[in-house]
Amino acid sequence: MKVTAVYVPVPEGGYSAYVEEIPGAISEGETLDEARENLADALRLLLECNRELARQNPAANSRREPLELAAL
């Protein structure tokens, strides 16, 4: 699975960054490389937080299993 990272230059310098398919995956950086790294970190943290929230409130009769998309 591939998602789309969007990098938008900001007037004060640097880039705003987000993953268009995943709400909440947002970051920034002073350079494009820094924005890329920060966005990958933001995506990892978002997934970790969502995982923790789901484990705290599991649906009745739910089944959990790994689903590998790709290494970040």
N, C-alpha and C. Protein backbone atom coordinates (compact mmCIF):
# COMPACT_ATOMS: atom_id res chain seq x y z
N MET A 1 0.84 -1.18 0.00
CA MET A 1 0.00 0.00 0.00
C MET A 1 0.88 1.23 0.00
N LYS A 2 0.53 2.17 -0.81
CA LYS A 2 1.24 3.44 -0.85
C LYS A 2 0.28 4.56 -0.47
N VAL A 3 0.80 5.54 0.25
CA VAL A 3 0.04 6.73 0.60
C VAL A 3 0.78 7.93 0.02
N THR A 4 0.13 9.08 0.07
CA THR A 4 0.70 10.27 -0.55
C THR A 4 1.11 11.29 0.50
N ALA A 5 2.40 11.62 0.54
CA ALA A 5 2.91 12.68 1.40
C ALA A 5 2.88 13.97 0.59
N VAL A 6 2.37 15.02 1.22
CA VAL A 6 2.28 16.33 0.57
C VAL A 6 3.14 17.31 1.35
N TYR A 7 4.00 18.03 0.65
CA TYR A 7 4.90 19.01 1.26
C TYR A 7 4.58 20.38 0.67
N VAL A 8 4.22 21.31 1.54
CA VAL A 8 3.80 22.63 1.11
C VAL A 8 4.79 23.66 1.64
N PRO A 9 5.48 24.39 0.75
CA PRO A 9 6.37 25.45 1.23
C PRO A 9 5.55 26.51 1.98
N VAL A 10 6.08 26.98 3.11
CA VAL A 10 5.39 28.01 3.88
C VAL A 10 6.14 29.33 3.74
N PRO A 11 5.42 30.46 3.76
CA PRO A 11 6.04 31.76 3.52
C PRO A 11 7.20 32.10 4.46
N GLU A 12 7.12 31.69 5.72
CA GLU A 12 8.18 32.01 6.66
C GLU A 12 9.40 31.09 6.54
N GLY A 13 9.33 30.14 5.62
CA GLY A 13 10.44 29.22 5.37
C GLY A 13 10.09 27.82 5.85
N GLY A 14 10.65 26.85 5.20
CA GLY A 14 10.40 25.46 5.55
C GLY A 14 9.18 24.90 4.84
N TYR A 15 8.70 23.77 5.36
CA TYR A 15 7.60 23.05 4.73
C TYR A 15 6.61 22.57 5.78
N SER A 16 5.35 22.60 5.41
CA SER A 16 4.29 21.92 6.14
C SER A 16 4.12 20.58 5.42
N ALA A 17 3.84 19.52 6.17
CA ALA A 17 3.76 18.20 5.55
C ALA A 17 2.58 17.42 6.13
N TYR A 18 1.93 16.64 5.26
CA TYR A 18 0.85 15.78 5.74
C TYR A 18 0.68 14.59 4.80
N VAL A 19 0.03 13.55 5.32
CA VAL A 19 -0.32 12.37 4.51
C VAL A 19 -1.79 12.53 4.16
N GLU A 20 -2.09 12.67 2.88
CA GLU A 20 -3.46 13.03 2.51
C GLU A 20 -4.49 11.94 2.81
N GLU A 21 -4.07 10.69 2.89
CA GLU A 21 -5.02 9.60 3.15
C GLU A 21 -5.22 9.32 4.65
N ILE A 22 -4.41 9.91 5.51
CA ILE A 22 -4.46 9.59 6.94
C ILE A 22 -4.64 10.87 7.75
N PRO A 23 -5.87 11.16 8.16
CA PRO A 23 -6.12 12.37 8.96
C PRO A 23 -5.26 12.38 10.22
N GLY A 24 -4.69 13.51 10.52
CA GLY A 24 -3.88 13.65 11.72
C GLY A 24 -2.40 13.43 11.52
N ALA A 25 -1.99 12.88 10.38
CA ALA A 25 -0.56 12.68 10.09
C ALA A 25 -0.02 13.98 9.49
N ILE A 26 0.40 14.88 10.38
CA ILE A 26 0.81 16.23 9.99
C ILE A 26 2.11 16.58 10.69
N SER A 27 2.99 17.28 9.99
CA SER A 27 4.24 17.73 10.60
C SER A 27 4.79 18.91 9.81
N GLU A 28 6.04 19.24 10.08
CA GLU A 28 6.72 20.33 9.39
C GLU A 28 8.22 20.13 9.49
N GLY A 29 8.96 20.94 8.77
CA GLY A 29 10.41 20.90 8.83
C GLY A 29 11.01 22.11 8.13
N GLU A 30 12.21 22.45 8.53
CA GLU A 30 12.87 23.61 7.91
C GLU A 30 13.38 23.29 6.51
N THR A 31 13.69 22.01 6.26
CA THR A 31 14.11 21.57 4.93
C THR A 31 13.17 20.46 4.48
N LEU A 32 13.19 20.13 3.21
CA LEU A 32 12.36 19.04 2.71
C LEU A 32 12.74 17.72 3.37
N ASP A 33 14.04 17.47 3.53
CA ASP A 33 14.47 16.23 4.19
C ASP A 33 13.98 16.17 5.64
N GLU A 34 14.07 17.28 6.34
CA GLU A 34 13.61 17.31 7.73
C GLU A 34 12.10 17.11 7.79
N ALA A 35 11.37 17.72 6.87
CA ALA A 35 9.92 17.54 6.82
C ALA A 35 9.56 16.08 6.56
N ARG A 36 10.31 15.41 5.68
CA ARG A 36 10.08 13.98 5.41
C ARG A 36 10.29 13.15 6.67
N GLU A 37 11.39 13.38 7.35
CA GLU A 37 11.71 12.62 8.56
C GLU A 37 10.65 12.88 9.64
N ASN A 38 10.29 14.15 9.82
CA ASN A 38 9.30 14.50 10.84
C ASN A 38 7.93 13.92 10.53
N LEU A 39 7.57 13.87 9.25
CA LEU A 39 6.29 13.30 8.87
C LEU A 39 6.26 11.80 9.13
N ALA A 40 7.35 11.11 8.84
CA ALA A 40 7.42 9.67 9.14
C ALA A 40 7.28 9.44 10.64
N ASP A 41 7.94 10.27 11.46
CA ASP A 41 7.81 10.16 12.92
C ASP A 41 6.37 10.43 13.36
N ALA A 42 5.75 11.45 12.79
CA ALA A 42 4.37 11.78 13.14
C ALA A 42 3.43 10.63 12.79
N LEU A 43 3.65 10.00 11.67
CA LEU A 43 2.81 8.87 11.26
C LEU A 43 3.00 7.69 12.21
N ARG A 44 4.24 7.40 12.58
CA ARG A 44 4.50 6.31 13.55
C ARG A 44 3.78 6.59 14.87
N LEU A 45 3.90 7.82 15.38
CA LEU A 45 3.27 8.18 16.65
C LEU A 45 1.75 8.11 16.56
N LEU A 46 1.19 8.56 15.46
CA LEU A 46 -0.26 8.50 15.27
C LEU A 46 -0.74 7.06 15.30
N LEU A 47 -0.05 6.18 14.61
CA LEU A 47 -0.44 4.77 14.59
C LEU A 47 -0.29 4.14 15.97
N GLU A 48 0.78 4.46 16.68
CA GLU A 48 0.97 3.94 18.03
C GLU A 48 -0.15 4.39 18.96
N CYS A 49 -0.51 5.67 18.90
CA CYS A 49 -1.59 6.21 19.74
C CYS A 49 -2.93 5.56 19.41
N ASN A 50 -3.22 5.42 18.13
CA ASN A 50 -4.47 4.78 17.72
C ASN A 50 -4.51 3.33 18.19
N ARG A 51 -3.39 2.63 18.10
CA ARG A 51 -3.31 1.24 18.55
C ARG A 51 -3.61 1.16 20.04
N GLU A 52 -3.00 2.05 20.83
CA GLU A 52 -3.22 2.06 22.27
C GLU A 52 -4.68 2.35 22.60
N LEU A 53 -5.27 3.32 21.94
CA LEU A 53 -6.69 3.63 22.17
C LEU A 53 -7.59 2.45 21.84
N ALA A 54 -7.29 1.76 20.75
CA ALA A 54 -8.10 0.60 20.35
C ALA A 54 -7.96 -0.53 21.37
N ARG A 55 -6.79 -0.70 21.95
CA ARG A 55 -6.59 -1.76 22.95
C ARG A 55 -7.27 -1.43 24.27
N GLN A 56 -7.41 -0.15 24.56
CA GLN A 56 -8.09 0.24 25.79
C GLN A 56 -9.60 0.04 25.70
N ASN A 57 -10.15 0.12 24.50
CA ASN A 57 -11.59 0.01 24.30
C ASN A 57 -11.90 -0.99 23.18
N PRO A 58 -11.58 -2.27 23.40
CA PRO A 58 -11.82 -3.24 22.31
C PRO A 58 -13.32 -3.49 22.10
N ALA A 59 -13.69 -3.71 20.86
CA ALA A 59 -15.07 -4.05 20.53
C ALA A 59 -15.34 -5.48 20.99
N ALA A 60 -16.56 -5.74 21.42
CA ALA A 60 -16.93 -7.09 21.86
C ALA A 60 -16.73 -8.08 20.71
N ASN A 61 -16.22 -9.25 21.05
CA ASN A 61 -15.99 -10.32 20.07
C ASN A 61 -15.06 -9.93 18.93
N SER A 62 -14.18 -8.99 19.19
CA SER A 62 -13.25 -8.56 18.13
C SER A 62 -12.09 -9.54 18.02
N ARG A 63 -11.47 -9.54 16.88
CA ARG A 63 -10.29 -10.38 16.62
C ARG A 63 -9.18 -9.47 16.16
N ARG A 64 -8.00 -9.64 16.74
CA ARG A 64 -6.84 -8.83 16.40
C ARG A 64 -5.83 -9.71 15.65
N GLU A 65 -5.26 -9.17 14.59
CA GLU A 65 -4.19 -9.86 13.87
C GLU A 65 -3.33 -8.83 13.16
N PRO A 66 -2.06 -9.13 12.96
CA PRO A 66 -1.16 -8.17 12.29
C PRO A 66 -1.53 -8.00 10.82
N LEU A 67 -1.30 -6.80 10.35
CA LEU A 67 -1.48 -6.46 8.93
C LEU A 67 -0.29 -5.60 8.54
N GLU A 68 0.62 -6.16 7.77
CA GLU A 68 1.83 -5.44 7.41
C GLU A 68 1.61 -4.66 6.13
N LEU A 69 1.81 -3.34 6.19
CA LEU A 69 1.68 -2.51 5.02
C LEU A 69 3.04 -2.29 4.37
N ALA A 70 4.00 -1.78 5.15
CA ALA A 70 5.35 -1.57 4.67
C ALA A 70 6.16 -0.99 5.83
N ALA A 71 7.46 -1.14 5.74
CA ALA A 71 8.32 -0.55 6.77
C ALA A 71 8.38 0.96 6.56
N LEU A 72 8.31 1.71 7.65
CA LEU A 72 8.38 3.17 7.54
C LEU A 72 9.81 3.62 7.65
